Amino acid sequence: MNVLKKIAHGLKAAEHAHIELTNAHKHVEVELAKNRSEAAIRLAEAERRATSIIEEAKNKAAEEANKIIAAAHAESEQAMLKSKELLRDHVAVLAVKGAEQILRKEVNASVHADLLSRLKTEL
């Protein structure tokens, strides 16, 4: 009878171990599902953040490009104005020289500065 008790006790222990193993498997599956869910959430958040960073970088690059273009336009405008001013000066000098040759007498630029200035603005 002692052997039968041992067999019964062994079967009961095996059944109990089987139940514990089944519970452990269920627990592992729950933890795995939880970890997969957390990983998916983290991945989605990382993708959202990466998209945000890319958009921010694009916006900053576009803003910087616009600043560079505006500066180039301003610089070009200044160069054009300076060129026009130099051209006016040269034309004024040429006009004076032409007038000198026509009149066959010397024109004093300092004496006629007001006249030259008005001529320059008219050009």
Protein backbone atom coordinates (compact mmCIF):
# COMPACT_ATOMS: atom_id res chain seq x y z
CA MET A 1 0.00 0.00 0.00
CA ASN A 2 2.92 2.27 0.61
CA VAL A 3 3.86 2.03 -3.07
CA LEU A 4 0.34 3.01 -4.14
CA LYS A 5 0.48 6.05 -1.87
CA LYS A 6 3.80 7.04 -3.36
CA ILE A 7 2.42 6.63 -6.91
CA ALA A 8 -0.69 8.62 -6.02
CA HIS A 9 1.41 11.28 -4.35
CA GLY A 10 3.74 11.40 -7.42
CA LEU A 11 0.76 11.69 -9.78
CA LYS A 12 -0.70 14.49 -7.67
CA ALA A 13 2.69 16.27 -7.63
CA ALA A 14 2.99 15.84 -11.42
CA GLU A 15 -0.51 17.26 -11.90
CA HIS A 16 0.33 20.19 -9.62
CA ALA A 17 3.60 20.79 -11.52
CA HIS A 18 1.67 20.66 -14.80
CA ILE A 19 -0.78 23.31 -13.53
CA GLU A 20 2.09 25.51 -12.34
CA LEU A 21 3.82 25.10 -15.71
CA THR A 22 0.61 26.04 -17.53
CA ASN A 23 0.22 29.10 -15.29
CA ALA A 24 3.85 30.04 -15.88
CA HIS A 25 3.31 29.78 -19.65
CA LYS A 26 0.23 31.99 -19.38
CA HIS A 27 2.18 34.49 -17.30
CA VAL A 28 5.02 34.52 -19.84
CA GLU A 29 2.54 35.05 -22.69
CA VAL A 30 0.92 37.96 -20.83
CA GLU A 31 4.33 39.54 -20.16
CA LEU A 32 5.39 39.04 -23.78
CA ALA A 33 2.18 40.65 -25.03
CA LYS A 34 2.69 43.54 -22.62
CA ASN A 35 6.31 43.98 -23.75
CA ARG A 36 5.28 43.83 -27.44
CA SER A 37 2.63 46.46 -26.80
CA GLU A 38 5.10 48.73 -24.97
CA ALA A 39 7.67 48.24 -27.74
CA ALA A 40 5.07 49.14 -30.39
CA ILE A 41 4.15 52.28 -28.45
CA ARG A 42 7.82 53.28 -28.12
CA LEU A 43 8.43 52.61 -31.80
CA ALA A 44 5.42 54.70 -32.82
CA GLU A 45 6.57 57.51 -30.54
CA ALA A 46 10.10 57.32 -31.97
CA GLU A 47 8.69 57.50 -35.51
CA ARG A 48 6.54 60.52 -34.57
CA ARG A 49 9.55 62.21 -33.00
CA ALA A 50 11.73 61.47 -36.04
CA THR A 51 9.08 62.92 -38.34
CA SER A 52 8.84 66.00 -36.12
CA ILE A 53 12.62 66.46 -36.13
CA ILE A 54 12.74 66.10 -39.93
CA GLU A 55 9.94 68.64 -40.40
CA GLU A 56 11.62 71.05 -37.99
CA ALA A 57 14.92 70.68 -39.86
CA LYS A 58 13.15 71.29 -43.20
CA ASN A 59 11.48 74.41 -41.82
CA LYS A 60 14.75 75.75 -40.42
CA ALA A 61 16.53 75.04 -43.71
CA ALA A 62 13.80 76.82 -45.70
CA GLU A 63 13.93 79.76 -43.29
CA GLU A 64 17.72 79.97 -43.58
CA ALA A 65 17.50 79.71 -47.38
CA ASN A 66 15.00 82.59 -47.42
CA LYS A 67 17.32 84.69 -45.26
CA ILE A 68 20.25 83.98 -47.59
CA ILE A 69 18.16 84.83 -50.65
CA ALA A 70 16.91 88.06 -49.05
CA ALA A 71 20.48 89.03 -48.13
CA ALA A 72 21.64 88.30 -51.68
CA HIS A 73 18.80 90.42 -53.10
CA ALA A 74 19.68 93.28 -50.74
CA GLU A 75 23.36 93.01 -51.63
CA SER A 76 22.50 92.95 -55.33
CA GLU A 77 20.27 96.00 -54.92
CA GLN A 78 23.05 97.87 -53.09
CA ALA A 79 25.56 96.96 -55.80
CA MET A 80 23.14 98.14 -58.47
CA LEU A 81 22.54 101.45 -56.67
CA LYS A 82 26.28 101.94 -56.25
CA SER A 83 26.84 101.20 -59.94
CA LYS A 84 24.14 103.70 -60.92
CA GLU A 85 25.73 106.31 -58.66
CA LEU A 86 29.17 105.71 -60.18
CA LEU A 87 27.66 105.90 -63.65
CA ARG A 88 25.99 109.21 -62.79
CA ASP A 89 29.33 110.52 -61.50
CA HIS A 90 31.09 109.46 -64.70
CA VAL A 91 28.38 110.96 -66.89
CA ALA A 92 28.57 114.22 -64.93
CA VAL A 93 32.35 114.31 -65.36
CA LEU A 94 31.98 113.58 -69.07
CA ALA A 95 29.32 116.29 -69.39
CA VAL A 96 31.62 118.80 -67.74
CA LYS A 97 34.51 117.79 -69.98
CA GLY A 98 32.24 118.05 -72.98
CA ALA A 99 31.05 121.46 -71.90
CA GLU A 100 34.67 122.51 -71.35
CA GLN A 101 35.57 121.48 -74.84
CA ILE A 102 32.54 123.18 -76.31
CA LEU A 103 33.16 126.40 -74.45
CA ARG A 104 36.91 126.08 -74.91
CA LYS A 105 37.48 127.29 -71.46
CA GLU A 106 38.09 125.60 -68.16
CA VAL A 107 35.17 124.87 -65.88
CA ASN A 108 36.02 124.93 -62.21
CA ALA A 109 34.27 121.93 -60.60
CA SER A 110 34.37 123.42 -57.11
CA VAL A 111 32.78 126.66 -58.30
CA HIS A 112 30.07 124.83 -60.16
CA ALA A 113 29.47 122.09 -57.56
CA ASP A 114 25.79 122.99 -57.21
CA LEU A 115 25.29 122.80 -60.96
CA LEU A 116 27.08 119.45 -61.09
CA SER A 117 25.02 118.12 -58.20
CA ARG A 118 21.74 119.06 -59.93
CA LEU A 119 22.96 117.57 -63.16
CA LYS A 120 23.90 114.38 -61.34
CA THR A 121 20.43 114.01 -59.78
CA GLU A 122 18.75 114.64 -63.13
CA LEU A 123 20.73 111.82 -64.66
